Amino acid sequence: MKKIKIPKSQLLIVSIVIMMLFYLISIVANYDFNTIIWYSSIILTVLAIILSGALVSGDRQRGNYHSSPENTNQALNYSQIILIIAIPFYLVLLLQYLIN
């Protein structure tokens, strides 16, 4: 499988657009924007942790890597993409914390 090469700047722009859509949804549906961002950041973080394989032991990680290195590298690549997308969500949460 080919490794997906997406520029990090495009990923950040996609993340900001997603956050703007969440803001519009929070206005239209009368939801709390802070809660939406908080849950979104948790979901993205947990998904990245699961894809990276950080929840399993070192022996199992090594076994998974040696049984299918391409799939492991692809999962790590997806994990990095998700974490880059989550960066603006973390920054908004940090700003909310500092302001309040």
N, C-alpha and C. Protein backbone atom coordinates (compact mmCIF):
# COMPACT_ATOMS: atom_id res chain seq x y z
N MET A 1 0.82 -1.18 0.00
CA MET A 1 0.00 0.00 0.00
C MET A 1 0.87 1.25 0.00
N LYS A 2 0.36 2.26 -0.67
CA LYS A 2 1.08 3.52 -0.71
C LYS A 2 0.81 4.34 0.54
N LYS A 3 1.83 5.05 0.96
CA LYS A 3 1.67 5.94 2.10
C LYS A 3 1.00 7.22 1.61
N ILE A 4 -0.01 7.64 2.32
CA ILE A 4 -0.73 8.86 1.95
C ILE A 4 0.11 10.06 2.37
N LYS A 5 0.40 10.91 1.41
CA LYS A 5 1.16 12.12 1.69
C LYS A 5 0.23 13.31 1.54
N ILE A 6 -0.22 13.85 2.64
CA ILE A 6 -1.07 15.03 2.65
C ILE A 6 -0.29 16.12 3.39
N PRO A 7 -0.15 17.28 2.78
CA PRO A 7 0.57 18.36 3.48
C PRO A 7 -0.12 18.72 4.80
N LYS A 8 0.69 18.98 5.80
CA LYS A 8 0.15 19.28 7.12
C LYS A 8 -0.69 20.55 7.12
N SER A 9 -0.35 21.50 6.26
CA SER A 9 -1.14 22.73 6.20
C SER A 9 -2.56 22.45 5.70
N GLN A 10 -2.70 21.53 4.78
CA GLN A 10 -4.04 21.17 4.31
C GLN A 10 -4.83 20.47 5.40
N LEU A 11 -4.17 19.65 6.19
CA LEU A 11 -4.86 18.98 7.29
C LEU A 11 -5.35 19.99 8.32
N LEU A 12 -4.53 20.99 8.61
CA LEU A 12 -4.95 22.02 9.56
C LEU A 12 -6.12 22.83 9.01
N ILE A 13 -6.10 23.13 7.73
CA ILE A 13 -7.20 23.86 7.11
C ILE A 13 -8.48 23.03 7.16
N VAL A 14 -8.38 21.74 6.89
CA VAL A 14 -9.54 20.85 6.97
C VAL A 14 -10.09 20.84 8.40
N SER A 15 -9.20 20.80 9.37
CA SER A 15 -9.62 20.79 10.76
C SER A 15 -10.33 22.08 11.14
N ILE A 16 -9.83 23.20 10.67
CA ILE A 16 -10.46 24.49 10.96
C ILE A 16 -11.83 24.57 10.30
N VAL A 17 -11.95 24.05 9.09
CA VAL A 17 -13.25 24.03 8.40
C VAL A 17 -14.24 23.15 9.17
N ILE A 18 -13.78 22.00 9.66
CA ILE A 18 -14.64 21.12 10.45
C ILE A 18 -15.09 21.83 11.72
N MET A 19 -14.18 22.55 12.35
CA MET A 19 -14.54 23.28 13.56
C MET A 19 -15.55 24.38 13.26
N MET A 20 -15.42 25.04 12.13
CA MET A 20 -16.39 26.07 11.74
C MET A 20 -17.76 25.44 11.49
N LEU A 21 -17.78 24.25 10.88
CA LEU A 21 -19.04 23.54 10.68
C LEU A 21 -19.67 23.16 12.02
N PHE A 22 -18.86 22.73 12.97
CA PHE A 22 -19.37 22.43 14.30
C PHE A 22 -19.96 23.67 14.95
N TYR A 23 -19.31 24.81 14.73
CA TYR A 23 -19.82 26.07 15.29
C TYR A 23 -21.18 26.41 14.69
N LEU A 24 -21.30 26.25 13.37
CA LEU A 24 -22.58 26.52 12.73
C LEU A 24 -23.65 25.54 13.22
N ILE A 25 -23.29 24.28 13.38
CA ILE A 25 -24.23 23.30 13.90
C ILE A 25 -24.66 23.66 15.32
N SER A 26 -23.72 24.13 16.12
CA SER A 26 -24.06 24.51 17.50
C SER A 26 -25.01 25.70 17.52
N ILE A 27 -24.91 26.60 16.56
CA ILE A 27 -25.82 27.74 16.50
C ILE A 27 -27.20 27.29 16.03
N VAL A 28 -27.24 26.50 14.97
CA VAL A 28 -28.52 26.06 14.39
C VAL A 28 -29.26 25.11 15.34
N ALA A 29 -28.53 24.14 15.90
CA ALA A 29 -29.17 23.12 16.72
C ALA A 29 -29.22 23.50 18.20
N ASN A 30 -28.71 24.65 18.55
CA ASN A 30 -28.73 25.16 19.92
C ASN A 30 -27.98 24.23 20.89
N TYR A 31 -26.81 23.76 20.46
CA TYR A 31 -25.92 22.97 21.31
C TYR A 31 -24.81 23.86 21.82
N ASP A 32 -24.15 23.40 22.89
CA ASP A 32 -23.02 24.14 23.44
C ASP A 32 -21.77 23.83 22.61
N PHE A 33 -21.16 24.85 22.04
CA PHE A 33 -19.98 24.68 21.19
C PHE A 33 -18.82 24.08 21.98
N ASN A 34 -18.65 24.51 23.22
CA ASN A 34 -17.55 23.99 24.05
C ASN A 34 -17.67 22.48 24.24
N THR A 35 -18.88 22.01 24.46
CA THR A 35 -19.10 20.58 24.66
C THR A 35 -18.80 19.80 23.38
N ILE A 36 -19.21 20.33 22.24
CA ILE A 36 -18.95 19.66 20.97
C ILE A 36 -17.45 19.55 20.72
N ILE A 37 -16.71 20.62 20.96
CA ILE A 37 -15.27 20.62 20.76
C ILE A 37 -14.60 19.65 21.74
N TRP A 38 -15.07 19.65 22.97
CA TRP A 38 -14.48 18.78 23.99
C TRP A 38 -14.66 17.31 23.61
N TYR A 39 -15.88 16.92 23.25
CA TYR A 39 -16.13 15.53 22.85
C TYR A 39 -15.38 15.17 21.56
N SER A 40 -15.32 16.09 20.62
CA SER A 40 -14.60 15.84 19.37
C SER A 40 -13.12 15.59 19.62
N SER A 41 -12.53 16.39 20.49
CA SER A 41 -11.10 16.21 20.78
C SER A 41 -10.85 14.89 21.49
N ILE A 42 -11.75 14.49 22.36
CA ILE A 42 -11.60 13.19 23.04
C ILE A 42 -11.71 12.05 22.04
N ILE A 43 -12.69 12.12 21.15
CA ILE A 43 -12.88 11.07 20.15
C ILE A 43 -11.67 10.97 19.24
N LEU A 44 -11.15 12.12 18.78
CA LEU A 44 -9.98 12.11 17.90
C LEU A 44 -8.76 11.54 18.61
N THR A 45 -8.57 11.89 19.87
CA THR A 45 -7.42 11.40 20.62
C THR A 45 -7.50 9.90 20.84
N VAL A 46 -8.67 9.42 21.24
CA VAL A 46 -8.83 7.98 21.47
C VAL A 46 -8.65 7.20 20.16
N LEU A 47 -9.19 7.73 19.07
CA LEU A 47 -9.02 7.07 17.78
C LEU A 47 -7.55 7.01 17.37
N ALA A 48 -6.81 8.08 17.60
CA ALA A 48 -5.38 8.09 17.27
C ALA A 48 -4.60 7.11 18.14
N ILE A 49 -4.97 7.01 19.41
CA ILE A 49 -4.30 6.07 20.31
C ILE A 49 -4.57 4.63 19.88
N ILE A 50 -5.81 4.36 19.50
CA ILE A 50 -6.15 3.00 19.06
C ILE A 50 -5.39 2.65 17.79
N LEU A 51 -5.36 3.57 16.83
CA LEU A 51 -4.68 3.28 15.57
C LEU A 51 -3.17 3.15 15.73
N SER A 52 -2.60 3.89 16.68
CA SER A 52 -1.15 3.83 16.84
C SER A 52 -0.70 2.54 17.52
N GLY A 53 -1.61 1.86 18.21
CA GLY A 53 -1.25 0.63 18.90
C GLY A 53 -0.65 0.87 20.27
N ALA A 54 -0.84 2.05 20.82
CA ALA A 54 -0.26 2.37 22.11
C ALA A 54 -0.96 1.68 23.27
N LEU A 55 -2.11 1.08 23.03
CA LEU A 55 -2.85 0.43 24.10
C LEU A 55 -2.47 -1.04 24.30
N VAL A 56 -1.59 -1.55 23.47
CA VAL A 56 -1.18 -2.95 23.60
C VAL A 56 0.26 -3.02 24.11
N SER A 57 0.65 -4.19 24.56
CA SER A 57 2.00 -4.35 25.11
C SER A 57 3.05 -4.30 23.99
N GLY A 58 4.28 -4.15 24.39
CA GLY A 58 5.37 -4.07 23.43
C GLY A 58 5.54 -5.35 22.63
N ASP A 59 5.33 -6.49 23.28
CA ASP A 59 5.45 -7.77 22.56
C ASP A 59 4.40 -7.87 21.45
N ARG A 60 3.19 -7.45 21.77
CA ARG A 60 2.12 -7.52 20.78
C ARG A 60 2.37 -6.50 19.66
N GLN A 61 2.88 -5.32 20.01
CA GLN A 61 3.22 -4.33 18.97
C GLN A 61 4.27 -4.88 18.03
N ARG A 62 5.30 -5.48 18.59
CA ARG A 62 6.36 -6.04 17.78
C ARG A 62 5.82 -7.17 16.90
N GLY A 63 4.97 -8.02 17.46
CA GLY A 63 4.38 -9.10 16.69
C GLY A 63 3.49 -8.58 15.56
N ASN A 64 2.70 -7.56 15.86
CA ASN A 64 1.85 -6.98 14.81
C ASN A 64 2.70 -6.35 13.70
N TYR A 65 3.79 -5.70 14.10
CA TYR A 65 4.63 -5.06 13.09
C TYR A 65 5.29 -6.10 12.19
N HIS A 66 5.81 -7.16 12.78
CA HIS A 66 6.51 -8.17 11.98
C HIS A 66 5.57 -9.04 11.15
N SER A 67 4.31 -9.15 11.56
CA SER A 67 3.36 -9.93 10.77
C SER A 67 2.87 -9.15 9.56
N SER A 68 2.73 -7.81 9.71
CA SER A 68 2.29 -6.99 8.57
C SER A 68 2.83 -5.57 8.73
N PRO A 69 4.08 -5.34 8.33
CA PRO A 69 4.68 -4.02 8.52
C PRO A 69 3.97 -2.92 7.73
N GLU A 70 3.43 -3.25 6.54
CA GLU A 70 2.77 -2.21 5.74
C GLU A 70 1.51 -1.70 6.44
N ASN A 71 0.73 -2.64 6.99
CA ASN A 71 -0.49 -2.23 7.68
C ASN A 71 -0.18 -1.43 8.94
N THR A 72 0.87 -1.82 9.65
CA THR A 72 1.26 -1.10 10.85
C THR A 72 1.71 0.32 10.51
N ASN A 73 2.51 0.46 9.48
CA ASN A 73 2.96 1.79 9.08
C ASN A 73 1.80 2.64 8.59
N GLN A 74 0.85 2.02 7.90
CA GLN A 74 -0.32 2.75 7.42
C GLN A 74 -1.18 3.21 8.61
N ALA A 75 -1.34 2.37 9.61
CA ALA A 75 -2.12 2.75 10.79
C ALA A 75 -1.43 3.88 11.55
N LEU A 76 -0.10 3.84 11.63
CA LEU A 76 0.64 4.93 12.28
C LEU A 76 0.50 6.22 11.49
N ASN A 77 0.49 6.13 10.17
CA ASN A 77 0.30 7.31 9.34
C ASN A 77 -1.08 7.91 9.58
N TYR A 78 -2.11 7.07 9.64
CA TYR A 78 -3.46 7.55 9.92
C TYR A 78 -3.54 8.18 11.32
N SER A 79 -2.83 7.60 12.26
CA SER A 79 -2.81 8.13 13.61
C SER A 79 -2.20 9.53 13.63
N GLN A 80 -1.13 9.73 12.88
CA GLN A 80 -0.51 11.06 12.80
C GLN A 80 -1.44 12.06 12.13
N ILE A 81 -2.15 11.64 11.10
CA ILE A 81 -3.09 12.52 10.41
C ILE A 81 -4.19 12.96 11.37
N ILE A 82 -4.72 12.02 12.14
CA ILE A 82 -5.79 12.35 13.08
C ILE A 82 -5.28 13.31 14.16
N LEU A 83 -4.08 13.10 14.65
CA LEU A 83 -3.54 14.01 15.67
C LEU A 83 -3.30 15.40 15.11
N ILE A 84 -2.89 15.51 13.87
CA ILE A 84 -2.71 16.83 13.26
C ILE A 84 -4.06 17.52 13.10
N ILE A 85 -5.08 16.76 12.73
CA ILE A 85 -6.42 17.33 12.62
C ILE A 85 -6.92 17.78 13.99
N ALA A 86 -6.51 17.11 15.06
CA ALA A 86 -6.98 17.44 16.40
C ALA A 86 -6.29 18.66 17.00
N ILE A 87 -5.19 19.12 16.44
CA ILE A 87 -4.44 20.25 17.02
C ILE A 87 -5.30 21.50 17.20
N PRO A 88 -6.05 21.97 16.20
CA PRO A 88 -6.89 23.16 16.45
C PRO A 88 -7.95 22.94 17.53
N PHE A 89 -8.46 21.71 17.66
CA PHE A 89 -9.42 21.42 18.72
C PHE A 89 -8.76 21.60 20.09
N TYR A 90 -7.51 21.10 20.23
CA TYR A 90 -6.78 21.27 21.48
C TYR A 90 -6.51 22.75 21.77
N LEU A 91 -6.17 23.51 20.73
CA LEU A 91 -5.89 24.93 20.93
C LEU A 91 -7.13 25.69 21.38
N VAL A 92 -8.28 25.36 20.81
CA VAL A 92 -9.53 26.00 21.23
C VAL A 92 -9.83 25.66 22.68
N LEU A 93 -9.63 24.40 23.06
CA LEU A 93 -9.86 24.02 24.45
C LEU A 93 -8.90 24.74 25.40
N LEU A 94 -7.65 24.91 24.98
CA LEU A 94 -6.68 25.63 25.79
C LEU A 94 -7.07 27.09 25.95
N LEU A 95 -7.49 27.72 24.86
CA LEU A 95 -7.93 29.12 24.94
C LEU A 95 -9.16 29.26 25.83
N GLN A 96 -10.10 28.34 25.73
CA GLN A 96 -11.28 28.38 26.59
C GLN A 96 -10.89 28.25 28.06
N TYR A 97 -9.91 27.39 28.33
CA TYR A 97 -9.46 27.21 29.70
C TYR A 97 -8.77 28.48 30.22
N LEU A 98 -7.94 29.10 29.39
CA LEU A 98 -7.21 30.29 29.82
C LEU A 98 -8.11 31.50 29.99
N ILE A 99 -9.14 31.60 29.16
CA ILE A 99 -10.05 32.75 29.24
C ILE A 99 -10.97 32.64 30.45
N ASN A 100 -11.44 31.43 30.72
CA ASN A 100 -12.37 31.26 31.85
C ASN A 100 -11.60 31.10 33.08
